[in-house]
Amino acid sequence: MALHFELVTPARLVRSDDVYMVVVPGTEGEEGVLEGHAPFMTTMRDGTLRIYKTDGAAPEEIQVQGGFAEVGDNGLTVLAEHVEG
């Protein structure tokens, strides 16, 4: 099974992919999200989004600034104010 992940800024869709896990830099702490995670929404702090393509893989790191993360029936959507790179 895979987690559907989308990273979006006000300007564009940055990424849409099926992944193993994403670690989100939430304002209340880091949140690891896997397929089947309970629905939730959190605000994000400036930090590093870590994307694991498969179990045990080295993470891809993307710097994000602010925004929100939401887990729902369609997977994880990260709405970032700004993405580095």
Protein backbone atom coordinates (compact mmCIF):
# COMPACT_ATOMS: atom_id res chain seq x y z
CA MET A 1 0.00 0.00 0.00
CA ALA A 2 1.10 3.56 -0.61
CA LEU A 3 0.26 7.00 0.68
CA HIS A 4 -0.87 9.49 -1.96
CA PHE A 5 1.05 12.73 -1.35
CA GLU A 6 0.59 16.17 -2.89
CA LEU A 7 2.73 19.26 -2.24
CA VAL A 8 1.11 22.50 -3.38
CA THR A 9 2.06 26.21 -3.19
CA PRO A 10 -0.17 29.18 -4.10
CA ALA A 11 1.59 29.23 -7.48
CA ARG A 12 1.66 25.56 -8.52
CA LEU A 13 1.42 21.85 -7.85
CA VAL A 14 4.99 20.95 -6.85
CA ARG A 15 4.58 17.20 -6.49
CA SER A 16 1.94 14.48 -6.71
CA ASP A 17 3.21 10.98 -5.96
CA ASP A 18 2.54 7.73 -4.14
CA VAL A 19 5.08 7.28 -1.33
CA TYR A 20 5.70 5.15 1.75
CA MET A 21 5.82 7.92 4.40
CA VAL A 22 6.10 11.69 4.79
CA VAL A 23 7.34 13.48 7.93
CA VAL A 24 5.72 16.92 8.23
CA PRO A 25 7.23 19.76 10.33
CA GLY A 26 4.08 20.63 12.29
CA THR A 27 3.93 23.53 14.72
CA GLU A 28 3.21 21.03 17.52
CA GLY A 29 6.05 18.73 16.45
CA GLU A 30 6.93 16.43 13.59
CA GLU A 31 4.16 14.20 12.25
CA GLY A 32 4.97 10.94 10.45
CA VAL A 33 2.19 10.04 8.01
CA LEU A 34 1.72 6.55 6.57
CA GLU A 35 -1.10 5.08 4.46
CA GLY A 36 -4.20 4.66 6.63
CA HIS A 37 -3.31 7.50 9.05
CA ALA A 38 -6.28 8.97 10.90
CA PRO A 39 -7.60 12.21 9.38
CA PHE A 40 -6.10 15.39 10.82
CA MET A 41 -5.08 18.93 9.94
CA THR A 42 -2.11 20.87 11.32
CA THR A 43 -0.32 24.13 10.74
CA MET A 44 3.29 23.84 9.66
CA ARG A 45 6.39 25.64 10.81
CA ASP A 46 9.31 26.47 8.54
CA GLY A 47 11.34 23.30 8.24
CA THR A 48 12.14 20.15 6.33
CA LEU A 49 9.55 17.89 4.75
CA ARG A 50 11.02 14.37 4.57
CA ILE A 51 9.62 12.04 1.91
CA TYR A 52 10.35 8.31 2.05
CA LYS A 53 9.63 6.66 -1.30
CA THR A 54 9.87 3.13 0.18
CA ASP A 55 10.30 1.55 3.61
CA GLY A 56 13.95 1.88 4.66
CA ALA A 57 14.85 4.32 1.86
CA ALA A 58 16.84 7.48 2.52
CA PRO A 59 14.48 10.46 2.67
CA GLU A 60 14.19 13.15 0.04
CA GLU A 61 14.22 16.50 1.87
CA ILE A 62 12.31 19.59 0.76
CA GLN A 63 12.47 22.89 2.64
CA VAL A 64 9.05 24.43 3.24
CA GLN A 65 7.90 27.68 4.79
CA GLY A 66 4.59 27.83 6.64
CA GLY A 67 1.28 26.46 5.52
CA PHE A 68 -0.97 23.55 6.42
CA ALA A 69 -0.97 19.77 6.15
CA GLU A 70 -4.13 17.68 5.88
CA VAL A 71 -4.64 13.93 5.94
CA GLY A 72 -7.94 12.76 4.50
CA ASP A 73 -9.49 10.04 2.38
CA ASN A 74 -7.30 11.08 -0.58
CA GLY A 75 -4.00 10.89 1.36
CA LEU A 76 -1.75 13.74 2.52
CA THR A 77 -1.94 17.24 1.07
CA VAL A 78 0.65 19.82 2.10
CA LEU A 79 -0.25 23.43 1.30
CA ALA A 80 3.03 25.31 1.75
CA GLU A 81 3.43 29.08 1.56
CA HIS A 82 6.83 28.62 -0.11
CA VAL A 83 9.00 25.68 -1.20
CA GLU A 84 12.78 25.91 -1.66
CA GLY A 85 14.03 24.47 -4.91
